[in-house]
Amino acid sequence: MFDSWLPILLLAQGVVGGVDTLLNHEWLARLPHRVASRNEIGLHAVRETIYASLFGGLAWFAWHGIAAWVIGALLLAEIIVTTCDEFIENRTRTLPQNERVLHVFLTLNLGFLIAILAPILWQWGSKPTRLVPIDHGMLSWGLSALAMAAAAWSMRDLLAFQKLGRLREQH
């Protein structure tokens, strides 16, 4: 019953995360251009890779058997990244109020995603290991677009992370 919410919550996570990235990280804080933001940019590259995997993987497949552990590991990794990111952000810069509000929404939505995915992963984990094709209609295509955007942005942030490292060494 709740599994029909999964693609909607994933889509919401991608859209709100994209707004936060473009508005707050790029336009207001200009993180990729600030040496002090290098660690934060590195975490963002990891997060974007996680979400590219989740968006793309859950858009088209049910992850049965041991494969369910891959999704669980990605969710655990995202929790760790979010925790580290909050710690680093609050030490290196003052966040605008809109960014704090977006982070609350993103964290709550991640909690909803985990609450919905936990029983699904438990069920998938009890089946023989394989990827089972699924189709969420237009939501699958939307998630695929978000997966590509997240993967591209992850590469962009990885390059910024490397560039900021070189700039840090020069100072």
C-alpha atoms as a PDB file:
ATOM      1  CA  MET A   1       0.000   0.000   0.000  1.00  0.00           C
ATOM      2  CA  PHE A   2       2.665   2.511   1.039  1.00  0.00           C
ATOM      3  CA  ASP A   3       5.054   1.383  -1.681  1.00  0.00           C
ATOM      4  CA  SER A   4       3.093   3.533  -4.150  1.00  0.00           C
ATOM      5  CA  TRP A   5       4.418   6.524  -2.164  1.00  0.00           C
ATOM      6  CA  LEU A   6       8.028   5.515  -2.757  1.00  0.00           C
ATOM      7  CA  PRO A   7       8.522   7.130  -6.187  1.00  0.00           C
ATOM      8  CA  ILE A   8       6.642  10.251  -5.072  1.00  0.00           C
ATOM      9  CA  LEU A   9       8.831  10.698  -1.990  1.00  0.00           C
ATOM     10  CA  LEU A  10      11.970  10.050  -4.050  1.00  0.00           C
ATOM     11  CA  LEU A  11      10.845  12.626  -6.600  1.00  0.00           C
ATOM     12  CA  ALA A  12      10.154  15.150  -3.817  1.00  0.00           C
ATOM     13  CA  GLN A  13      13.620  14.497  -2.363  1.00  0.00           C
ATOM     14  CA  GLY A  14      15.221  15.135  -5.736  1.00  0.00           C
ATOM     15  CA  VAL A  15      13.280  18.306  -6.491  1.00  0.00           C
ATOM     16  CA  VAL A  16      13.751  19.878  -3.046  1.00  0.00           C
ATOM     17  CA  GLY A  17      17.404  18.805  -2.970  1.00  0.00           C
ATOM     18  CA  GLY A  18      17.873  20.371  -6.401  1.00  0.00           C
ATOM     19  CA  VAL A  19      16.305  23.652  -5.240  1.00  0.00           C
ATOM     20  CA  ASP A  20      18.565  23.661  -2.163  1.00  0.00           C
ATOM     21  CA  THR A  21      21.631  22.999  -4.309  1.00  0.00           C
ATOM     22  CA  LEU A  22      20.910  25.589  -6.974  1.00  0.00           C
ATOM     23  CA  LEU A  23      19.550  28.335  -4.729  1.00  0.00           C
ATOM     24  CA  ASN A  24      21.619  27.980  -1.581  1.00  0.00           C
ATOM     25  CA  HIS A  25      24.809  26.156  -2.504  1.00  0.00           C
ATOM     26  CA  GLU A  26      25.363  27.689  -5.917  1.00  0.00           C
ATOM     27  CA  TRP A  27      23.717  31.085  -6.034  1.00  0.00           C
ATOM     28  CA  LEU A  28      23.764  32.356  -2.450  1.00  0.00           C
ATOM     29  CA  ALA A  29      26.773  30.648  -0.826  1.00  0.00           C
ATOM     30  CA  ARG A  30      28.787  29.942  -4.022  1.00  0.00           C
ATOM     31  CA  LEU A  31      30.238  26.858  -2.322  1.00  0.00           C
ATOM     32  CA  PRO A  32      32.260  25.542  -5.295  1.00  0.00           C
ATOM     33  CA  HIS A  33      34.260  28.791  -5.247  1.00  0.00           C
ATOM     34  CA  ARG A  34      35.072  28.878  -1.520  1.00  0.00           C
ATOM     35  CA  VAL A  35      38.130  26.991  -0.290  1.00  0.00           C
ATOM     36  CA  ALA A  36      36.575  26.769   3.185  1.00  0.00           C
ATOM     37  CA  SER A  37      33.686  24.777   1.676  1.00  0.00           C
ATOM     38  CA  ARG A  38      35.869  22.003   0.247  1.00  0.00           C
ATOM     39  CA  ASN A  39      34.796  19.343   2.760  1.00  0.00           C
ATOM     40  CA  GLU A  40      31.148  20.250   2.322  1.00  0.00           C
ATOM     41  CA  ILE A  41      31.468  20.005  -1.471  1.00  0.00           C
ATOM     42  CA  GLY A  42      33.108  16.593  -1.063  1.00  0.00           C
ATOM     43  CA  LEU A  43      30.193  15.354   1.014  1.00  0.00           C
ATOM     44  CA  HIS A  44      27.762  16.746  -1.527  1.00  0.00           C
ATOM     45  CA  ALA A  45      29.506  14.789  -4.288  1.00  0.00           C
ATOM     46  CA  VAL A  46      29.046  11.608  -2.242  1.00  0.00           C
ATOM     47  CA  ARG A  47      25.397  12.453  -1.502  1.00  0.00           C
ATOM     48  CA  GLU A  48      24.639  13.141  -5.155  1.00  0.00           C
ATOM     49  CA  THR A  49      26.159   9.776  -6.106  1.00  0.00           C
ATOM     50  CA  ILE A  50      23.972   8.069  -3.507  1.00  0.00           C
ATOM     51  CA  TYR A  51      20.838   9.745  -4.805  1.00  0.00           C
ATOM     52  CA  ALA A  52      21.740   9.082  -8.444  1.00  0.00           C
ATOM     53  CA  SER A  53      21.925   5.401  -7.504  1.00  0.00           C
ATOM     54  CA  LEU A  54      18.683   5.449  -5.521  1.00  0.00           C
ATOM     55  CA  PHE A  55      16.719   7.415  -8.119  1.00  0.00           C
ATOM     56  CA  GLY A  56      17.923   5.298 -11.032  1.00  0.00           C
ATOM     57  CA  GLY A  57      17.814   1.977  -9.233  1.00  0.00           C
ATOM     58  CA  LEU A  58      14.401   2.340  -7.646  1.00  0.00           C
ATOM     59  CA  ALA A  59      12.844   3.929 -10.739  1.00  0.00           C
ATOM     60  CA  TRP A  60      12.934   0.684 -12.677  1.00  0.00           C
ATOM     61  CA  PHE A  61      13.757  -2.220 -10.341  1.00  0.00           C
ATOM     62  CA  ALA A  62      12.763  -4.094  -7.209  1.00  0.00           C
ATOM     63  CA  TRP A  63      15.987  -5.218  -5.531  1.00  0.00           C
ATOM     64  CA  HIS A  64      15.412  -8.783  -4.363  1.00  0.00           C
ATOM     65  CA  GLY A  65      17.564 -10.957  -2.122  1.00  0.00           C
ATOM     66  CA  ILE A  66      21.033  -9.717  -1.297  1.00  0.00           C
ATOM     67  CA  ALA A  67      20.492  -6.817  -3.699  1.00  0.00           C
ATOM     68  CA  ALA A  68      18.087  -5.308  -1.121  1.00  0.00           C
ATOM     69  CA  TRP A  69      21.124  -4.798   1.114  1.00  0.00           C
ATOM     70  CA  VAL A  70      22.593  -2.469  -1.516  1.00  0.00           C
ATOM     71  CA  ILE A  71      19.622  -0.121  -1.148  1.00  0.00           C
ATOM     72  CA  GLY A  72      19.822  -0.390   2.638  1.00  0.00           C
ATOM     73  CA  ALA A  73      23.530   0.432   2.546  1.00  0.00           C
ATOM     74  CA  LEU A  74      22.873   3.484   0.368  1.00  0.00           C
ATOM     75  CA  LEU A  75      20.274   4.742   2.854  1.00  0.00           C
ATOM     76  CA  LEU A  76      22.655   4.210   5.772  1.00  0.00           C
ATOM     77  CA  ALA A  77      25.383   6.045   3.847  1.00  0.00           C
ATOM     78  CA  GLU A  78      23.003   8.955   3.241  1.00  0.00           C
ATOM     79  CA  ILE A  79      22.229   9.176   6.959  1.00  0.00           C
ATOM     80  CA  ILE A  80      25.959   9.335   7.706  1.00  0.00           C
ATOM     81  CA  VAL A  81      26.570  11.939   4.986  1.00  0.00           C
ATOM     82  CA  THR A  82      23.664  14.081   6.214  1.00  0.00           C
ATOM     83  CA  THR A  83      24.957  13.965   9.776  1.00  0.00           C
ATOM     84  CA  CYS A  84      28.494  14.920   8.739  1.00  0.00           C
ATOM     85  CA  ASP A  85      27.205  17.613   6.359  1.00  0.00           C
ATOM     86  CA  GLU A  86      25.123  19.279   9.074  1.00  0.00           C
ATOM     87  CA  PHE A  87      28.118  19.273  11.400  1.00  0.00           C
ATOM     88  CA  ILE A  88      30.463  20.770   8.778  1.00  0.00           C
ATOM     89  CA  GLU A  89      27.956  23.347   7.489  1.00  0.00           C
ATOM     90  CA  ASN A  90      27.275  24.704  10.941  1.00  0.00           C
ATOM     91  CA  ARG A  91      30.998  25.068  11.612  1.00  0.00           C
ATOM     92  CA  THR A  92      31.996  26.735   8.328  1.00  0.00           C
ATOM     93  CA  ARG A  93      29.141  29.063   7.379  1.00  0.00           C
ATOM     94  CA  THR A  94      25.895  30.684   8.464  1.00  0.00           C
ATOM     95  CA  LEU A  95      23.001  29.041   6.689  1.00  0.00           C
ATOM     96  CA  PRO A  96      20.157  31.204   5.366  1.00  0.00           C
ATOM     97  CA  GLN A  97      16.769  30.490   6.934  1.00  0.00           C
ATOM     98  CA  ASN A  98      15.373  29.052   3.710  1.00  0.00           C
ATOM     99  CA  GLU A  99      18.220  26.521   3.622  1.00  0.00           C
ATOM    100  CA  ARG A 100      17.482  25.446   7.185  1.00  0.00           C
ATOM    101  CA  VAL A 101      13.809  24.974   6.284  1.00  0.00           C
ATOM    102  CA  LEU A 102      14.708  22.968   3.188  1.00  0.00           C
ATOM    103  CA  HIS A 103      17.044  20.791   5.277  1.00  0.00           C
ATOM    104  CA  VAL A 104      14.238  20.068   7.744  1.00  0.00           C
ATOM    105  CA  PHE A 105      11.985  19.009   4.874  1.00  0.00           C
ATOM    106  CA  LEU A 106      14.733  16.886   3.299  1.00  0.00           C
ATOM    107  CA  THR A 107      15.490  15.161   6.603  1.00  0.00           C
ATOM    108  CA  LEU A 108      11.814  14.468   7.322  1.00  0.00           C
ATOM    109  CA  ASN A 109      11.289  13.189   3.805  1.00  0.00           C
ATOM    110  CA  LEU A 110      14.344  10.923   4.149  1.00  0.00           C
ATOM    111  CA  GLY A 111      12.752   9.566   7.326  1.00  0.00           C
ATOM    112  CA  PHE A 112       9.519   8.870   5.433  1.00  0.00           C
ATOM    113  CA  LEU A 113      11.511   7.176   2.663  1.00  0.00           C
ATOM    114  CA  ILE A 114      13.261   4.939   5.171  1.00  0.00           C
ATOM    115  CA  ALA A 115       9.992   4.160   6.968  1.00  0.00           C
ATOM    116  CA  ILE A 116       8.408   3.099   3.676  1.00  0.00           C
ATOM    117  CA  LEU A 117      11.480   1.296   2.342  1.00  0.00           C
ATOM    118  CA  ALA A 118      12.309  -0.694   5.488  1.00  0.00           C
ATOM    119  CA  PRO A 119       9.388  -3.161   5.170  1.00  0.00           C
ATOM    120  CA  ILE A 120       9.770  -3.234   1.388  1.00  0.00           C
ATOM    121  CA  LEU A 121      13.459  -4.102   1.693  1.00  0.00           C
ATOM    122  CA  TRP A 122      12.632  -6.738   4.296  1.00  0.00           C
ATOM    123  CA  GLN A 123      10.158  -8.304   1.867  1.00  0.00           C
ATOM    124  CA  TRP A 124      12.545  -8.032  -1.091  1.00  0.00           C
ATOM    125  CA  GLY A 125      15.373  -9.486   0.992  1.00  0.00           C
ATOM    126  CA  SER A 126      13.432 -12.704   1.565  1.00  0.00           C
ATOM    127  CA  LYS A 127      13.232 -13.438  -2.172  1.00  0.00           C
ATOM    128  CA  PRO A 128      15.851 -14.947  -4.485  1.00  0.00           C
ATOM    129  CA  THR A 129      18.528 -12.434  -5.479  1.00  0.00           C
ATOM    130  CA  ARG A 130      17.742 -10.615  -8.715  1.00  0.00           C
ATOM    131  CA  LEU A 131      16.648  -7.255 -10.042  1.00  0.00           C
ATOM    132  CA  VAL A 132      12.968  -7.370 -10.957  1.00  0.00           C
ATOM    133  CA  PRO A 133      11.788  -4.821 -13.518  1.00  0.00           C
ATOM    134  CA  ILE A 134       9.075  -2.465 -12.283  1.00  0.00           C
ATOM    135  CA  ASP A 135       7.451   0.560 -13.859  1.00  0.00           C
ATOM    136  CA  HIS A 136       6.058   3.551 -11.998  1.00  0.00           C
ATOM    137  CA  GLY A 137       4.889   5.159 -15.237  1.00  0.00           C
ATOM    138  CA  MET A 138       5.911   8.792 -15.667  1.00  0.00           C
ATOM    139  CA  LEU A 139       7.405   8.780 -12.165  1.00  0.00           C
ATOM    140  CA  SER A 140      10.045   6.280 -13.367  1.00  0.00           C
ATOM    141  CA  TRP A 141      11.008   8.678 -16.143  1.00  0.00           C
ATOM    142  CA  GLY A 142      11.108  11.608 -13.707  1.00  0.00           C
ATOM    143  CA  LEU A 143      13.334   9.607 -11.361  1.00  0.00           C
ATOM    144  CA  SER A 144      15.574   8.690 -14.282  1.00  0.00           C
ATOM    145  CA  ALA A 145      15.980  12.362 -15.150  1.00  0.00           C
ATOM    146  CA  LEU A 146      16.819  13.115 -11.509  1.00  0.00           C
ATOM    147  CA  ALA A 147      19.332  10.244 -11.495  1.00  0.00           C
ATOM    148  CA  MET A 148      21.120  11.711 -14.514  1.00  0.00           C
ATOM    149  CA  ALA A 149      21.076  15.214 -13.019  1.00  0.00           C
ATOM    150  CA  ALA A 150      22.403  13.941  -9.673  1.00  0.00           C
ATOM    151  CA  ALA A 151      25.162  11.940 -11.388  1.00  0.00           C
ATOM    152  CA  ALA A 152      26.208  14.943 -13.466  1.00  0.00           C
ATOM    153  CA  TRP A 153      26.155  17.249 -10.441  1.00  0.00           C
ATOM    154  CA  SER A 154      28.176  14.723  -8.459  1.00  0.00           C
ATOM    155  CA  MET A 155      30.902  14.837 -11.112  1.00  0.00           C
ATOM    156  CA  ARG A 156      30.757  18.619 -11.105  1.00  0.00           C
ATOM    157  CA  ASP A 157      31.127  18.746  -7.312  1.00  0.00           C
ATOM    158  CA  LEU A 158      33.946  16.195  -7.418  1.00  0.00           C
ATOM    159  CA  LEU A 159      35.825  18.443  -9.840  1.00  0.00           C
ATOM    160  CA  ALA A 160      35.160  21.458  -7.596  1.00  0.00           C
ATOM    161  CA  PHE A 161      36.405  19.451  -4.595  1.00  0.00           C
ATOM    162  CA  GLN A 162      39.647  18.683  -6.426  1.00  0.00           C
ATOM    163  CA  LYS A 163      40.053  22.293  -7.582  1.00  0.00           C
ATOM    164  CA  LEU A 164      39.476  23.628  -4.063  1.00  0.00           C
ATOM    165  CA  GLY A 165      42.102  21.212  -2.795  1.00  0.00           C
ATOM    166  CA  ARG A 166      44.643  22.627  -5.242  1.00  0.00           C
ATOM    167  CA  LEU A 167      43.692  26.184  -4.248  1.00  0.00           C
ATOM    168  CA  ARG A 168      44.082  25.295  -0.562  1.00  0.00           C
ATOM    169  CA  GLU A 169      47.603  23.985  -1.240  1.00  0.00           C
ATOM    170  CA  GLN A 170      48.561  27.248  -2.962  1.00  0.00           C
ATOM    171  CA  HIS A 171      47.705  29.305   0.133  1.00  0.00           C
END
